[in-house]
Protein backbone atom coordinates (compact mmCIF):
# COMPACT_ATOMS: atom_id res chain seq x y z
CA LEU A 1 -40.04 71.63 15.88
CA SER A 2 -37.51 69.72 14.36
CA GLY A 3 -39.42 70.24 10.92
CA VAL A 4 -39.85 73.87 11.03
CA ASN A 5 -37.90 76.41 9.44
CA PRO A 6 -36.45 78.87 12.38
CA ASP A 7 -36.75 81.76 10.11
CA ASP A 8 -40.66 81.06 9.71
CA ILE A 9 -41.31 81.47 13.48
CA GLU A 10 -43.02 84.76 14.14
CA ASP A 11 -43.82 84.39 17.75
CA ILE A 12 -43.38 81.26 20.51
CA THR A 13 -46.04 81.84 23.28
CA VAL A 14 -46.70 79.94 26.60
CA LEU A 15 -49.87 78.51 27.52
CA LYS A 16 -50.59 77.16 30.97
CA ASP A 17 -53.04 76.72 33.56
CA ALA A 18 -56.65 77.41 32.64
CA THR A 19 -55.83 79.58 29.47
CA ALA A 20 -54.27 76.46 27.95
CA THR A 21 -57.07 74.04 29.47
CA ALA A 22 -60.12 76.47 27.91
CA ILE A 23 -58.52 76.16 24.39
CA TYR A 24 -56.88 72.43 24.22
CA GLY A 25 -59.14 70.40 27.24
CA THR A 26 -57.41 68.18 29.52
CA ARG A 27 -54.08 67.35 27.34
CA ALA A 28 -53.11 70.45 27.64
CA VAL A 29 -53.03 70.59 31.54
CA ASN A 30 -49.58 70.97 31.91
CA GLY A 31 -49.12 73.92 29.56
CA VAL A 32 -48.88 74.38 25.65
CA ILE A 33 -46.28 75.77 23.34
CA VAL A 34 -48.01 77.68 20.83
CA ASN A 35 -45.83 78.94 17.59
CA THR A 36 -46.86 81.04 15.41
CA THR A 37 -45.45 81.15 11.75
CA LYS A 38 -44.49 84.76 9.85
CA ARG A 39 -47.22 85.88 7.06
CA ALA A 40 -47.24 88.87 4.75
CA LYS A 41 -49.43 91.95 5.73
CA LYS A 42 -51.59 94.14 3.58
CA ASN A 43 -49.97 97.26 2.09
CA THR A 44 -45.97 96.55 2.50
CA PRO A 45 -43.69 96.36 -0.50
CA LEU A 46 -41.82 93.49 -2.18
CA ARG A 47 -38.87 92.43 -0.04
CA PHE A 48 -36.65 89.91 -0.02
CA ASN A 49 -34.62 88.01 3.06
CA TYR A 50 -31.72 85.66 3.26
CA ILE A 51 -30.31 84.19 6.44
CA SER A 52 -26.96 82.01 6.87
CA ASN A 53 -25.43 80.61 9.64
CA GLY A 54 -22.83 77.90 10.31
CA THR A 55 -21.25 75.85 13.75
CA LEU A 56 -17.97 74.63 13.89
CA THR A 57 -17.91 71.49 16.55
CA LEU A 58 -14.61 70.05 17.39
CA LYS A 59 -14.43 66.19 18.40
CA PRO A 60 -13.35 65.83 21.90
CA SER A 61 -10.07 63.74 22.84
CA ILE A 62 -9.80 60.90 25.79
CA THR A 63 -6.82 63.79 26.69
CA ASP A 64 -9.55 65.78 28.30
CA PHE A 65 -10.52 63.12 30.62
CA ASP A 66 -8.61 61.47 33.82
CA VAL A 67 -8.56 57.83 32.97
CA LEU A 68 -6.31 54.86 32.77
CA ASN A 69 -3.52 54.42 29.69
CA SER A 70 -3.00 51.28 28.02
CA TYR A 71 0.10 50.16 30.31
CA ASP A 72 -1.50 51.36 33.62
CA GLN A 73 -4.74 49.49 32.56
CA THR A 74 -3.11 46.22 31.35
CA VAL A 75 -1.03 46.19 34.86
CA LEU A 76 -4.11 46.49 36.80
CA ASN A 77 -5.75 43.51 35.07
CA GLU A 78 -2.30 41.58 35.67
CA GLN A 79 -2.94 42.17 39.27
CA ILE A 80 -6.23 40.95 39.74
CA PHE A 81 -6.06 38.29 37.63
CA ASP A 82 -2.97 37.13 39.96
CA ILE A 83 -5.29 37.73 42.68
CA TYR A 84 -8.52 35.95 41.50
CA GLN A 85 -6.56 33.63 38.77
CA SER A 86 -8.65 30.44 40.14
CA ALA A 87 -11.87 32.07 39.42
CA LEU A 88 -11.32 34.52 36.25
CA MET A 89 -9.97 31.05 35.07
CA SER A 90 -13.59 29.76 34.20
CA PHE A 91 -15.11 32.80 33.86
CA SER A 92 -13.03 35.00 31.63
CA ALA A 93 -14.79 34.05 28.44
CA ASN A 94 -17.85 36.13 30.18
CA VAL A 95 -15.64 39.05 30.94
CA ASN A 96 -15.24 42.29 28.69
CA GLY A 97 -11.72 43.33 27.96
CA ALA A 98 -8.82 43.35 26.28
CA PHE A 99 -6.56 41.29 28.72
CA SER A 100 -9.66 38.59 29.81
CA LYS A 101 -9.52 38.17 25.85
CA LEU A 102 -5.93 37.25 25.89
CA VAL A 103 -6.29 35.08 28.86
CA TYR A 104 -9.42 33.33 27.28
CA GLN A 105 -7.50 32.55 24.17
CA ARG A 106 -4.91 30.79 26.23
CA ASN A 107 -6.63 28.30 28.27
CA ILE A 108 -8.40 27.08 25.29
CA LYS A 109 -4.99 26.72 23.45
CA GLU A 110 -5.50 29.51 21.17
CA LEU A 111 -2.53 30.86 22.11
CA THR A 112 1.05 30.05 23.65
CA ASP A 113 2.31 31.18 26.62
CA GLU A 114 4.87 33.18 24.43
CA GLN A 115 2.34 34.23 22.36
CA PHE A 116 0.07 35.34 25.28
CA ARG A 117 2.73 37.37 27.23
CA THR A 118 4.08 39.15 23.72
CA GLY A 119 -0.15 39.88 23.37
CA VAL A 120 -0.01 41.33 27.26
CA ARG A 121 3.24 43.50 26.10
CA ASP A 122 1.54 44.70 23.10
CA LEU A 123 -1.86 45.80 25.76
CA LYS A 124 0.27 48.25 27.31
CA THR A 125 1.10 50.47 24.39
CA VAL A 126 -2.13 50.33 22.72
CA ASN A 127 -3.69 53.84 24.06
CA THR A 128 -6.81 53.83 21.88
CA ASP A 129 -8.47 57.17 21.76
CA TRP A 130 -11.87 56.20 21.14
CA PHE A 131 -13.52 59.48 20.52
CA ASP A 132 -11.28 59.51 18.06
CA TYR A 133 -12.64 56.69 16.24
CA LEU A 134 -16.53 57.56 17.07
CA TYR A 135 -16.60 61.18 16.81
CA LYS A 136 -15.35 63.45 14.15
CA ASN A 137 -15.07 67.28 13.32
CA SER A 138 -18.23 68.38 12.25
CA PHE A 139 -19.94 71.71 10.64
CA MET A 140 -23.82 72.61 10.69
CA GLN A 141 -25.24 75.09 8.40
CA GLN A 142 -28.72 76.42 7.07
CA HIS A 143 -29.74 78.57 4.83
CA ALA A 144 -33.00 80.20 4.38
CA VAL A 145 -34.62 82.72 1.79
CA SER A 146 -37.75 84.28 1.72
CA ALA A 147 -39.88 86.50 -0.12
CA SER A 148 -43.20 88.60 0.76
CA TYR A 149 -45.45 91.05 -0.75
CA GLY A 150 -48.90 92.95 0.55
CA ALA A 151 -51.71 94.58 -1.57
CA GLU A 152 -54.86 96.19 -0.57
CA LYS A 153 -56.59 92.85 -1.81
CA ALA A 154 -53.81 90.21 -1.89
CA PHE A 155 -50.68 89.42 0.09
CA GLY A 156 -48.20 86.35 0.49
CA ARG A 157 -45.08 85.15 1.37
CA LEU A 158 -42.88 82.24 0.32
CA SER A 159 -40.02 80.87 1.99
CA VAL A 160 -37.71 78.33 1.21
CA SER A 161 -34.94 76.54 3.67
CA TYR A 162 -31.89 73.80 4.03
CA LEU A 163 -30.24 72.54 6.77
CA ASP A 164 -27.29 70.34 6.65
CA ASP A 165 -25.55 68.92 10.00
CA LEU A 166 -22.99 66.50 9.15
CA GLY A 167 -22.96 65.45 13.19
CA LYS A 168 -20.69 64.86 15.66
CA THR A 169 -20.50 60.90 15.73
CA VAL A 170 -19.62 58.82 12.82
CA GLY A 171 -22.96 57.60 11.12
CA GLU A 172 -24.56 60.90 12.22
CA ASN A 173 -26.29 63.38 9.98
CA VAL A 174 -29.40 65.22 9.30
CA GLN A 175 -30.75 67.19 6.01
CA ARG A 176 -34.00 68.66 6.11
CA TYR A 177 -35.91 70.98 3.16
CA THR A 178 -38.81 73.22 4.00
CA ILE A 179 -40.85 74.98 2.03
CA ASN A 180 -43.88 77.84 3.31
CA LEU A 181 -46.08 79.39 1.13
CA THR A 182 -48.87 81.53 2.72
CA SER A 183 -51.24 83.49 0.75
CA GLY A 184 -54.40 85.84 1.57
CA PHE A 185 -57.24 87.03 -0.64
CA GLN A 186 -59.86 89.57 0.63
CA PHE A 187 -62.40 89.70 -1.72
CA SER A 188 -64.74 92.40 -0.22
CA LYS A 189 -65.07 93.42 3.66
CA ARG A 190 -66.95 90.55 4.67
CA LEU A 191 -65.07 87.31 2.76
CA SER A 192 -61.30 86.27 2.65
CA ALA A 193 -59.47 83.46 2.08
CA ASP A 194 -56.19 81.99 3.05
CA PHE A 195 -53.96 79.60 0.74
CA ARG A 196 -51.26 77.69 2.50
CA VAL A 197 -48.72 75.06 1.40
CA LYS A 198 -46.34 73.55 3.71
CA TYR A 199 -43.90 70.89 3.09
CA SER A 200 -40.84 69.36 5.27
CA ASN A 201 -38.54 66.91 4.64
CA ARG A 202 -35.81 65.73 7.27
CA ASP A 203 -33.54 62.74 6.61
CA GLN A 204 -31.90 62.04 10.13
CA ARG A 205 -29.30 59.58 10.94
CA ASN A 206 -28.58 58.81 14.62
CA PRO A 207 -26.66 56.26 17.01
CA GLY A 208 -28.45 52.90 18.23
CA THR A 209 -30.09 53.87 21.70
CA GLN A 210 -28.55 50.82 23.24
CA VAL A 211 -24.87 52.35 23.25
CA ASN A 212 -23.93 55.88 23.76
CA PRO A 213 -21.11 56.84 22.14
CA PHE A 214 -19.85 59.45 24.38
CA ILE A 215 -20.19 56.94 27.67
CA TYR A 216 -18.63 54.58 25.58
CA ALA A 217 -15.27 56.64 24.26
CA ARG A 218 -14.73 57.80 27.85
CA ASP A 219 -14.94 54.90 29.92
CA ALA A 220 -13.74 51.88 27.75
CA SER A 221 -10.50 50.52 28.02
CA ARG A 222 -7.88 52.33 26.28
CA ASN A 223 -6.11 48.72 25.87
CA MET A 224 -8.85 47.48 23.72
CA LYS A 225 -8.69 47.95 19.52
CA PRO A 226 -11.24 49.07 16.60
CA TYR A 227 -9.05 47.11 14.57
CA ASP A 228 -6.49 43.81 14.23
CA SER A 229 -3.78 43.81 12.81
CA GLU A 230 -5.58 42.73 9.15
CA GLY A 231 -7.43 45.73 9.15
CA ASN A 232 -10.71 43.92 10.31
CA PHE A 233 -12.83 44.72 13.50
CA GLU A 234 -11.56 43.34 16.82
CA TYR A 235 -14.46 41.90 18.76
CA TYR A 236 -14.69 41.71 22.87
CA LYS A 237 -17.11 39.88 25.21
CA ARG A 238 -20.28 42.13 26.36
CA GLY A 239 -22.69 40.16 27.69
CA TYR A 240 -21.68 37.14 26.22
CA THR A 241 -21.78 38.33 22.78
CA ASP A 242 -18.80 39.49 20.82
CA PHE A 243 -19.12 43.31 20.36
CA ASN A 244 -17.31 46.18 18.82
CA ILE A 245 -18.81 49.39 18.85
């Protein structure tokens, strides 16, 4: 249905049990959804139809959820490190998080003790709202135009539609174009012909399947930064690999 103009749908019927199996065979044992599209009828005047709709979606905010802020997260990391310091000294490079990154950098002498303390102090004020970086206010609009006519011997219907969805997350968007032409000709009582042309073009971008933006934005630590002080991506360990969503 992703390539179908909703205005072209005449009827949706659910076939199940013996009815579906009798028509479509064993592959229809769980039922079949039949989508019937519109077509012109005989002896109807020329009609034009225009339909438009739009949906505005506002991006969520981290304040809608009960999660730790940067200060509480960093204090918790400090407490855990004080308790398990000997174990974390050798394992911190493989642990995801801003505090673990500072510990690792200090361990390999990239940071002095003073720079480490300054970094920990700064972590407590970061308070990143990952929803603000990964989501956007979105507007979806759809327009459809159709024309139909019907005479005694010939009838037809032409529809054109356009869908533009900006998407809720950064990098997500959908555009779709459809054209649907149906014509019928009654040459005699025993001879008729149908002519149909259907065209659909859908260009869609979605986030990758490995990371869910909503779950990441809700659960990621708020003391992690998307960018460093120079505006470059900030990377943290995730599964032994440098990662930035």
